């Protein structure tokens, strides 16, 4: 089935007939206003294609006539584009399920462009070539010259939702953290540059086991029960043990970076950073995740709200400040799983 209309093309007030992947389903009950009528079920959905995602709602009458569908199914919807709380929403009047054999999943899978991915891989190789410590060089080679593991590393997402939540996101995020650490090391020559680069490239290595990255991103059983910090700690420790004569102090410092990179225990970090290199990796990691979120998620939502006539007189920068205040309040109350796994 050929897809011609994408999320990025949707305009308020338009009537559409197009296909999307279902990434989230929430079933709810609409209370009847009449004592002699039964309550009715309706459904909220999150729909996705390769350009983005949009929320949709299926009211009771349309839901009664709809076939059974699940997350990861492709559905063809007839809908109108409206807005809800200033953001785009599809009001779905009818839908049909698209057989899996007729779906071109490349139209629905979010990922970095192939040319960008190749460039990032070259940048990773350049960073690796600059590692002078023999033990760290051998350790990094054992990861990045493992073709199966490196394929997972370059194709995995970095999160389910908060930042870099698409195929190739882990590569993009890890490279950004490593480049920022490299920059910091030039300004602070007392830092161990090799340790910083190794910690940055490996800090989220456990996410290749935590997430199953496909047309939608799912947390694996191992990811849900153990989490990427502990998984990554184990992966790095196992490979260190396989290297004869690996410096014990260096091993402890690298493993400390892995296990402390979330910074604070309320953010899911087993340890807080206690070395200069761990401190830098934590901040570079957190910074890249938050900047990505504000640039591509929160700001994008604000731009959509402005296009729909909400907040059009706000001064530039106010939206980002508002979003940050909201997100900080949410984190201080109770960090979500995506946030704990996010940076």
Protein backbone atom coordinates (compact mmCIF):
# COMPACT_ATOMS: atom_id res chain seq x y z
CA UNK A 1 0.00 0.00 0.00
CA UNK A 2 1.42 3.35 -1.04
CA UNK A 3 1.35 6.08 1.60
CA UNK A 4 1.09 9.63 0.29
CA UNK A 5 -0.10 11.69 3.27
CA UNK A 6 2.18 11.96 6.32
CA UNK A 7 1.85 13.40 9.82
CA UNK A 8 3.99 16.38 8.89
CA UNK A 9 1.51 17.28 6.14
CA UNK A 10 -1.64 17.32 8.29
CA UNK A 11 -3.46 20.67 8.47
CA UNK A 12 -6.15 21.75 10.89
CA UNK A 13 -9.63 21.28 9.41
CA UNK A 14 -8.55 18.82 6.73
CA UNK A 15 -10.37 15.57 6.01
CA UNK A 16 -7.96 12.70 5.48
CA UNK A 17 -7.84 9.08 4.40
CA UNK A 18 -4.45 7.62 5.26
CA UNK A 19 -2.63 4.84 7.06
CA UNK A 20 -0.67 4.93 10.31
CA UNK A 21 0.93 2.56 12.80
CA UNK A 22 -0.78 2.34 16.18
CA UNK A 23 1.78 2.94 18.95
CA UNK A 24 -0.53 3.38 21.93
CA UNK A 25 -4.14 2.49 22.78
CA UNK A 26 -6.10 3.78 25.78
CA UNK A 27 -9.66 2.58 26.18
CA UNK A 28 -12.01 4.71 28.26
CA UNK A 29 -15.66 4.85 29.28
CA UNK A 30 -17.94 7.68 28.28
CA UNK A 31 -20.53 8.16 30.99
CA UNK A 32 -24.09 8.35 29.74
CA UNK A 33 -26.01 11.55 30.42
CA UNK A 34 -29.27 9.63 30.45
CA UNK A 35 -30.28 7.25 33.26
CA UNK A 36 -31.86 4.80 30.80
CA UNK A 37 -28.76 4.57 28.56
CA UNK A 38 -25.65 2.49 29.11
CA UNK A 39 -22.16 3.90 29.40
CA UNK A 40 -20.15 3.53 26.19
CA UNK A 41 -16.54 2.74 25.44
CA UNK A 42 -14.36 5.04 23.36
CA UNK A 43 -10.69 4.91 22.49
CA UNK A 44 -7.70 7.25 22.42
CA UNK A 45 -4.81 6.25 20.16
CA UNK A 46 -1.35 7.46 19.28
CA UNK A 47 -0.59 7.09 15.57
CA UNK A 48 2.80 7.25 13.88
CA UNK A 49 4.55 7.36 10.55
CA UNK A 50 8.17 8.07 9.66
CA UNK A 51 7.66 11.85 9.99
CA UNK A 52 6.12 11.96 13.46
CA UNK A 53 3.13 11.03 15.58
CA UNK A 54 -0.33 12.39 16.34
CA UNK A 55 -3.06 11.58 18.85
CA UNK A 56 -6.44 10.36 17.67
CA UNK A 57 -9.82 9.68 19.21
CA UNK A 58 -12.42 7.10 18.21
CA UNK A 59 -15.85 7.87 19.62
CA UNK A 60 -18.27 5.05 20.58
CA UNK A 61 -20.18 4.76 17.28
CA UNK A 62 -16.99 4.54 15.21
CA UNK A 63 -15.43 2.15 17.72
CA UNK A 64 -18.41 -0.22 17.57
CA UNK A 65 -17.97 -0.54 13.81
CA UNK A 66 -14.18 -0.89 13.94
CA UNK A 67 -12.31 -4.20 13.67
CA UNK A 68 -10.17 -5.37 16.57
CA UNK A 69 -6.72 -3.81 16.43
CA UNK A 70 -3.63 -3.72 18.64
CA UNK A 71 -0.45 -1.74 19.14
CA UNK A 72 1.94 -2.12 16.18
CA UNK A 73 -0.96 -2.73 13.77
CA UNK A 74 -1.26 -0.59 10.66
CA UNK A 75 -4.69 0.98 10.27
CA UNK A 76 -6.25 2.96 7.43
CA UNK A 77 -8.34 5.76 8.88
CA UNK A 78 -10.91 8.22 7.65
CA UNK A 79 -10.67 11.22 9.94
CA UNK A 80 -10.80 14.96 10.34
CA UNK A 81 -7.88 16.98 11.70
CA UNK A 82 -8.89 19.11 14.66
CA UNK A 83 -7.15 20.38 17.76
CA UNK A 84 -7.36 19.48 21.41
CA UNK A 85 -5.70 21.66 24.03
CA UNK A 86 -3.89 23.48 21.26
CA UNK A 87 -2.39 20.36 19.66
CA UNK A 88 -3.42 18.47 16.50
CA UNK A 89 -5.77 15.51 16.90
CA UNK A 90 -7.47 13.13 14.51
CA UNK A 91 -11.17 12.53 15.07
CA UNK A 92 -11.51 9.10 13.48
CA UNK A 93 -14.88 8.29 11.89
CA UNK A 94 -13.91 4.88 10.49
CA UNK A 95 -10.92 2.58 10.25
CA UNK A 96 -9.81 -0.69 8.75
CA UNK A 97 -6.85 -2.91 9.49
CA UNK A 98 -4.16 -3.19 6.84
CA UNK A 99 -2.78 -6.75 6.39
CA UNK A 100 0.85 -6.92 7.51
CA UNK A 101 1.94 -8.22 4.11
CA UNK A 102 0.70 -5.04 2.44
CA UNK A 103 2.54 -2.63 4.77
CA UNK A 104 5.72 -0.83 3.69
CA UNK A 105 7.18 -0.37 7.17
CA UNK A 106 9.81 2.08 5.94
CA UNK A 107 6.98 4.62 5.67
CA UNK A 108 6.19 4.22 9.37
CA UNK A 109 9.55 3.62 11.10
CA UNK A 110 11.25 6.67 12.56
CA UNK A 111 15.01 6.60 12.01
CA UNK A 112 17.99 8.78 11.20
CA UNK A 113 18.76 9.23 7.51
CA UNK A 114 21.17 6.68 6.00
CA UNK A 115 23.68 9.36 4.98
CA UNK A 116 23.63 10.88 8.50
CA UNK A 117 24.15 7.44 10.01
CA UNK A 118 27.22 6.79 7.84
CA UNK A 119 28.67 10.15 8.82
CA UNK A 120 28.13 9.43 12.52
CA UNK A 121 29.80 6.03 12.22
CA UNK A 122 32.84 7.69 10.66
CA UNK A 123 32.93 10.18 13.54
CA UNK A 124 32.80 7.32 16.03
CA UNK A 125 35.73 5.64 14.24
CA UNK A 126 37.69 8.89 14.33
CA UNK A 127 37.16 9.21 18.09
CA UNK A 128 38.24 5.61 18.58
CA UNK A 129 41.44 6.18 16.59
CA UNK A 130 42.41 8.91 19.04
CA UNK A 131 42.32 6.68 22.14
CA UNK A 132 45.89 6.37 23.44
CA UNK A 133 45.39 4.06 26.44
CA UNK A 134 45.98 0.49 25.21
CA UNK A 135 43.48 -1.10 27.61
CA UNK A 136 40.67 1.29 26.73
CA UNK A 137 41.49 1.02 23.03
CA UNK A 138 41.25 -2.79 23.23
CA UNK A 139 38.01 -2.60 25.24
CA UNK A 140 36.37 -0.21 22.79
CA UNK A 141 37.55 -2.32 19.84
CA UNK A 142 35.91 -5.36 21.43
CA UNK A 143 32.57 -3.53 21.35
CA UNK A 144 32.74 -1.57 18.12
CA UNK A 145 34.45 -4.24 16.01
CA UNK A 146 31.81 -6.77 17.03
CA UNK A 147 29.63 -6.56 13.92
CA UNK A 148 26.43 -7.85 15.52
CA UNK A 149 26.74 -5.64 18.59
CA UNK A 150 27.70 -2.59 16.55
CA UNK A 151 24.69 -3.14 14.31
CA UNK A 152 22.49 -3.11 17.41
CA UNK A 153 24.30 0.00 18.70
CA UNK A 154 23.74 1.92 15.48
CA UNK A 155 20.11 0.85 15.06
CA UNK A 156 18.80 1.11 18.62
CA UNK A 157 16.73 3.94 20.03
CA UNK A 158 18.05 5.97 22.97
CA UNK A 159 14.67 6.13 24.73
CA UNK A 160 11.02 5.19 24.38
CA UNK A 161 9.83 8.76 24.41
CA UNK A 162 11.89 11.57 25.97
CA UNK A 163 14.75 11.97 23.49
CA UNK A 164 16.24 10.31 20.39
CA UNK A 165 13.31 7.87 20.39
CA UNK A 166 13.92 6.34 16.97
CA UNK A 167 16.20 3.88 15.22
CA UNK A 168 19.74 5.28 15.28
CA UNK A 169 18.96 7.47 18.28
CA UNK A 170 21.45 5.67 20.54
CA UNK A 171 24.25 6.24 18.02
CA UNK A 172 23.33 9.92 17.60
CA UNK A 173 23.04 10.56 21.33
CA UNK A 174 26.19 8.68 22.35
CA UNK A 175 28.23 10.45 19.66
CA UNK A 176 26.95 13.86 20.80
CA UNK A 177 27.86 13.09 24.41
CA UNK A 178 31.32 11.89 23.36
CA UNK A 179 31.97 14.98 21.21
CA UNK A 180 30.90 17.27 24.04
CA UNK A 181 33.17 15.38 26.45
CA UNK A 182 36.02 15.77 23.95
CA UNK A 183 35.42 19.51 23.85
CA UNK A 184 35.38 19.75 27.66
CA UNK A 185 38.64 17.79 27.89
CA UNK A 186 40.38 20.42 25.76
CA UNK A 187 39.38 23.14 28.21
CA UNK A 188 40.28 21.03 31.27
CA UNK A 189 43.51 19.16 30.42
CA UNK A 190 43.63 17.61 33.89
CA UNK A 191 40.72 15.36 32.85
CA UNK A 192 41.45 11.90 31.43
CA UNK A 193 40.26 12.32 27.84
CA UNK A 194 40.44 8.62 26.96
CA UNK A 195 38.32 7.73 29.99
CA UNK A 196 35.80 10.44 29.11
CA UNK A 197 35.41 9.26 25.51
CA UNK A 198 35.12 5.62 26.56
CA UNK A 199 32.56 6.46 29.23
CA UNK A 200 30.54 8.60 26.84
CA UNK A 201 30.44 5.97 24.09
CA UNK A 202 29.58 3.15 26.51
CA UNK A 203 27.38 4.90 29.08
CA UNK A 204 24.13 3.75 27.41
CA UNK A 205 25.41 0.49 25.89
CA UNK A 206 22.84 -1.43 27.95
CA UNK A 207 20.05 0.13 25.89
CA UNK A 208 20.71 -2.31 23.08
CA UNK A 209 19.28 -4.92 25.46
CA UNK A 210 16.78 -2.65 27.22
CA UNK A 211 14.84 -1.73 24.07
CA UNK A 212 13.45 -3.63 21.15
CA UNK A 213 13.64 -1.06 18.37
CA UNK A 214 11.37 -1.62 15.40
CA UNK A 215 8.45 0.24 13.92
CA UNK A 216 7.63 1.03 17.55
CA UNK A 217 9.99 0.94 20.54
CA UNK A 218 9.27 -1.48 23.36
CA UNK A 219 11.00 -2.11 26.67
CA UNK A 220 12.17 -5.73 26.84
CA UNK A 221 11.61 -7.97 29.85
CA UNK A 222 15.29 -7.60 30.71
CA UNK A 223 15.05 -3.84 30.34
CA UNK A 224 12.00 -3.62 32.57
CA UNK A 225 13.39 -5.90 35.28
CA UNK A 226 17.05 -4.85 35.28
CA UNK A 227 17.39 -1.58 33.34
CA UNK A 228 20.09 -0.33 31.01
CA UNK A 229 22.45 0.93 33.73
CA UNK A 230 22.86 -2.49 35.34
CA UNK A 231 22.83 -4.23 31.95
CA UNK A 232 25.53 -1.90 30.63
CA UNK A 233 27.63 -2.28 33.78
CA UNK A 234 27.56 -6.05 33.30
CA UNK A 235 28.41 -5.85 29.60
CA UNK A 236 31.42 -3.61 30.20
CA UNK A 237 32.62 -5.62 33.20
CA UNK A 238 32.46 -8.89 31.23
CA UNK A 239 34.62 -7.47 28.44
CA UNK A 240 37.08 -5.93 30.87
CA UNK A 241 37.53 -9.37 32.48
CA UNK A 242 38.37 -10.83 29.08
CA UNK A 243 41.33 -8.45 28.64
CA UNK A 244 44.53 -9.64 30.33
CA UNK A 245 46.19 -7.05 32.53
CA UNK A 246 43.45 -4.40 32.29
CA UNK A 247 44.30 -1.73 34.85
CA UNK A 248 42.10 -2.22 37.93
CA UNK A 249 41.90 1.46 38.85
CA UNK A 250 40.93 2.34 35.28
CA UNK A 251 38.27 -0.38 35.30
CA UNK A 252 36.76 0.98 38.51
CA UNK A 253 36.67 4.53 37.11
CA UNK A 254 35.03 3.45 33.86
CA UNK A 255 32.46 1.28 35.62
CA UNK A 256 31.74 4.18 37.98
CA UNK A 257 30.87 6.34 34.96
CA UNK A 258 28.44 3.68 33.69
CA UNK A 259 26.70 3.22 37.02
CA UNK A 260 26.49 6.92 37.96
CA UNK A 261 25.57 8.55 34.65
CA UNK A 262 21.98 9.34 35.69
CA UNK A 263 23.44 11.60 38.34
CA UNK A 264 20.98 11.30 41.20
CA UNK A 265 19.22 8.42 42.88
CA UNK A 266 15.80 9.96 42.24
CA UNK A 267 16.64 9.71 38.53
CA UNK A 268 17.38 6.00 38.87
CA UNK A 269 21.13 6.29 39.40
CA UNK A 270 22.59 3.59 41.71
CA UNK A 271 25.49 5.95 42.49
CA UNK A 272 26.08 9.68 42.24
CA UNK A 273 29.15 10.84 40.23
CA UNK A 274 32.21 10.93 42.49
CA UNK A 275 35.01 11.50 39.96
CA UNK A 276 35.58 14.44 37.62
CA UNK A 277 35.10 12.26 34.53
CA UNK A 278 31.84 10.77 35.84
CA UNK A 279 30.63 14.28 36.67
CA UNK A 280 31.33 15.46 33.12
CA UNK A 281 29.71 12.44 31.43
CA UNK A 282 26.58 12.85 33.57
CA UNK A 283 26.22 16.52 32.68
CA UNK A 284 26.96 16.04 28.97
CA UNK A 285 24.47 13.17 28.84
CA UNK A 286 21.76 15.10 30.66
CA UNK A 287 22.39 18.21 28.59
CA UNK A 288 22.11 16.43 25.25
CA UNK A 289 18.89 14.67 26.28
CA UNK A 290 17.26 17.86 27.57
CA UNK A 291 18.34 20.02 24.63
CA UNK A 292 17.01 17.41 22.21
CA UNK A 293 13.71 17.24 24.09
CA UNK A 294 13.26 20.99 24.16
CA UNK A 295 14.33 21.46 20.54
CA UNK A 296 12.47 18.60 18.89
CA UNK A 297 9.67 17.65 21.27
CA UNK A 298 8.52 20.51 23.50
CA UNK A 299 9.23 23.28 21.01
CA UNK A 300 7.63 21.28 18.20
CA UNK A 301 4.48 20.98 20.29
CA UNK A 302 4.51 24.71 20.98
CA UNK A 303 4.93 25.44 17.27
CA UNK A 304 1.93 23.22 16.53
CA UNK A 305 -0.05 25.07 19.19
CA UNK A 306 0.91 28.41 17.64
CA UNK A 307 -0.17 27.22 14.20
CA UNK A 308 -3.55 26.41 15.71
CA UNK A 309 -3.86 29.88 17.19
CA UNK A 310 -2.67 29.23 20.73
CA UNK A 311 0.08 31.36 22.25
CA UNK A 312 0.85 33.26 19.05
CA UNK A 313 1.83 36.40 20.96
CA UNK A 314 4.30 34.71 23.28
CA UNK A 315 7.82 36.06 23.29
CA UNK A 316 10.44 33.70 21.84
CA UNK A 317 11.81 31.42 24.52
CA UNK A 318 8.81 31.57 26.84
CA UNK A 319 7.51 28.21 25.66
CA UNK A 320 10.79 26.48 26.42
CA UNK A 321 10.83 28.02 29.88
CA UNK A 322 7.27 26.88 30.52
CA UNK A 323 8.01 23.36 29.34
CA UNK A 324 11.10 23.15 31.53
CA UNK A 325 9.14 24.29 34.58
CA UNK A 326 6.48 21.65 33.93
CA UNK A 327 9.00 18.88 33.32
CA UNK A 328 10.97 19.77 36.45
CA UNK A 329 7.79 19.67 38.51
CA UNK A 330 6.95 16.24 37.11
CA UNK A 331 10.42 14.92 37.81
CA UNK A 332 10.46 16.19 41.38
CA UNK A 333 7.11 14.53 41.99
CA UNK A 334 7.84 11.13 40.47
CA UNK A 335 10.21 10.48 37.54
CA UNK A 336 8.56 8.44 34.78
CA UNK A 337 10.15 5.27 33.38
CA UNK A 338 10.98 7.10 30.13
CA UNK A 339 12.75 9.82 32.08
CA UNK A 340 14.64 7.34 34.22
CA UNK A 341 15.75 5.57 31.04
CA UNK A 342 16.04 8.75 29.03
CA UNK A 343 19.42 10.33 29.58
